[in-house]
Amino acid sequence: MLTRHGQPAVRLMPIERKRTPEEKRAVLEKYRGIMKGKPEWEGVTAATAADFLYDEFGLPA
């Protein structure tokens, strides 16, 4: 909590909860399923890589 002259002024809170390891694993499995039967590079673009790595606010997932 941030204070001004010793009085609470701002409370910092996370925007959303962090993903659990199980949720992260589910995302990986989803992408593995999409890529089955294709070369690793096929279908992967900078945009899809960014979607996987960053959340909707542009922060690391």
C-alpha atoms as a PDB file:
ATOM      1  CA  MET A   1       0.000   0.000   0.000  1.00  0.00           C
ATOM      2  CA  LEU A   2       1.287   3.446  -0.863  1.00  0.00           C
ATOM      3  CA  THR A   3       0.806   6.236   1.633  1.00  0.00           C
ATOM      4  CA  ARG A   4       0.671   9.988   1.600  1.00  0.00           C
ATOM      5  CA  HIS A   5       1.789  11.635   4.838  1.00  0.00           C
ATOM      6  CA  GLY A   6       1.473   8.270   6.586  1.00  0.00           C
ATOM      7  CA  GLN A   7      -2.135   7.724   5.461  1.00  0.00           C
ATOM      8  CA  PRO A   8      -3.122   4.990   2.989  1.00  0.00           C
ATOM      9  CA  ALA A   9      -3.523   6.514  -0.470  1.00  0.00           C
ATOM     10  CA  VAL A  10      -3.239   3.662  -2.991  1.00  0.00           C
ATOM     11  CA  ARG A  11      -3.644  -0.088  -2.795  1.00  0.00           C
ATOM     12  CA  LEU A  12      -1.766  -2.081  -5.420  1.00  0.00           C
ATOM     13  CA  MET A  13      -3.591  -5.193  -6.566  1.00  0.00           C
ATOM     14  CA  PRO A  14      -2.948  -7.666  -9.385  1.00  0.00           C
ATOM     15  CA  ILE A  15      -4.970  -7.151 -12.554  1.00  0.00           C
ATOM     16  CA  GLU A  16      -5.721 -10.849 -12.780  1.00  0.00           C
ATOM     17  CA  ARG A  17      -4.644 -13.967 -10.999  1.00  0.00           C
ATOM     18  CA  LYS A  18      -1.569 -15.840 -12.150  1.00  0.00           C
ATOM     19  CA  ARG A  19      -2.065 -18.995 -14.157  1.00  0.00           C
ATOM     20  CA  THR A  20      -1.512 -22.255 -12.347  1.00  0.00           C
ATOM     21  CA  PRO A  21       1.003 -24.772 -13.737  1.00  0.00           C
ATOM     22  CA  GLU A  22      -1.958 -26.918 -14.834  1.00  0.00           C
ATOM     23  CA  GLU A  23      -3.471 -24.016 -16.799  1.00  0.00           C
ATOM     24  CA  LYS A  24      -0.122 -23.299 -18.468  1.00  0.00           C
ATOM     25  CA  ARG A  25       0.237 -26.987 -19.353  1.00  0.00           C
ATOM     26  CA  ALA A  26      -3.253 -26.972 -20.912  1.00  0.00           C
ATOM     27  CA  VAL A  27      -2.261 -24.059 -23.161  1.00  0.00           C
ATOM     28  CA  LEU A  28       0.871 -25.908 -24.260  1.00  0.00           C
ATOM     29  CA  GLU A  29      -1.133 -29.045 -25.041  1.00  0.00           C
ATOM     30  CA  LYS A  30      -3.600 -26.982 -27.077  1.00  0.00           C
ATOM     31  CA  TYR A  31      -0.803 -25.588 -29.237  1.00  0.00           C
ATOM     32  CA  ARG A  32       0.845 -28.994 -29.583  1.00  0.00           C
ATOM     33  CA  GLY A  33      -2.461 -30.360 -30.872  1.00  0.00           C
ATOM     34  CA  ILE A  34      -2.703 -27.597 -33.455  1.00  0.00           C
ATOM     35  CA  MET A  35       0.824 -28.237 -34.679  1.00  0.00           C
ATOM     36  CA  LYS A  36       0.589 -32.057 -34.994  1.00  0.00           C
ATOM     37  CA  GLY A  37       1.528 -33.232 -38.445  1.00  0.00           C
ATOM     38  CA  LYS A  38       3.036 -29.886 -39.462  1.00  0.00           C
ATOM     39  CA  PRO A  39       6.623 -28.729 -39.489  1.00  0.00           C
ATOM     40  CA  GLU A  40       7.407 -26.770 -36.316  1.00  0.00           C
ATOM     41  CA  TRP A  41       7.659 -23.450 -38.121  1.00  0.00           C
ATOM     42  CA  GLU A  42       4.507 -23.799 -40.240  1.00  0.00           C
ATOM     43  CA  GLY A  43       1.555 -21.826 -38.946  1.00  0.00           C
ATOM     44  CA  VAL A  44       3.607 -19.932 -36.358  1.00  0.00           C
ATOM     45  CA  THR A  45       3.796 -16.197 -36.902  1.00  0.00           C
ATOM     46  CA  ALA A  46       5.102 -13.348 -34.787  1.00  0.00           C
ATOM     47  CA  ALA A  47       1.493 -12.546 -33.872  1.00  0.00           C
ATOM     48  CA  THR A  48       0.642 -16.048 -32.651  1.00  0.00           C
ATOM     49  CA  ALA A  49       3.919 -16.268 -30.735  1.00  0.00           C
ATOM     50  CA  ALA A  50       3.183 -12.921 -29.041  1.00  0.00           C
ATOM     51  CA  ASP A  51      -0.350 -14.080 -28.142  1.00  0.00           C
ATOM     52  CA  PHE A  52       1.120 -17.094 -26.401  1.00  0.00           C
ATOM     53  CA  LEU A  53       3.855 -15.191 -24.565  1.00  0.00           C
ATOM     54  CA  TYR A  54       1.941 -12.086 -23.466  1.00  0.00           C
ATOM     55  CA  ASP A  55      -1.469 -11.444 -21.903  1.00  0.00           C
ATOM     56  CA  GLU A  56      -4.105  -9.014 -23.175  1.00  0.00           C
ATOM     57  CA  PHE A  57      -2.324  -6.095 -21.453  1.00  0.00           C
ATOM     58  CA  GLY A  58       1.034  -6.843 -23.089  1.00  0.00           C
ATOM     59  CA  LEU A  59       2.516  -8.254 -19.910  1.00  0.00           C
ATOM     60  CA  PRO A  60       4.370 -11.582 -19.751  1.00  0.00           C
ATOM     61  CA  ALA A  61       1.921 -14.423 -19.258  1.00  0.00           C
END
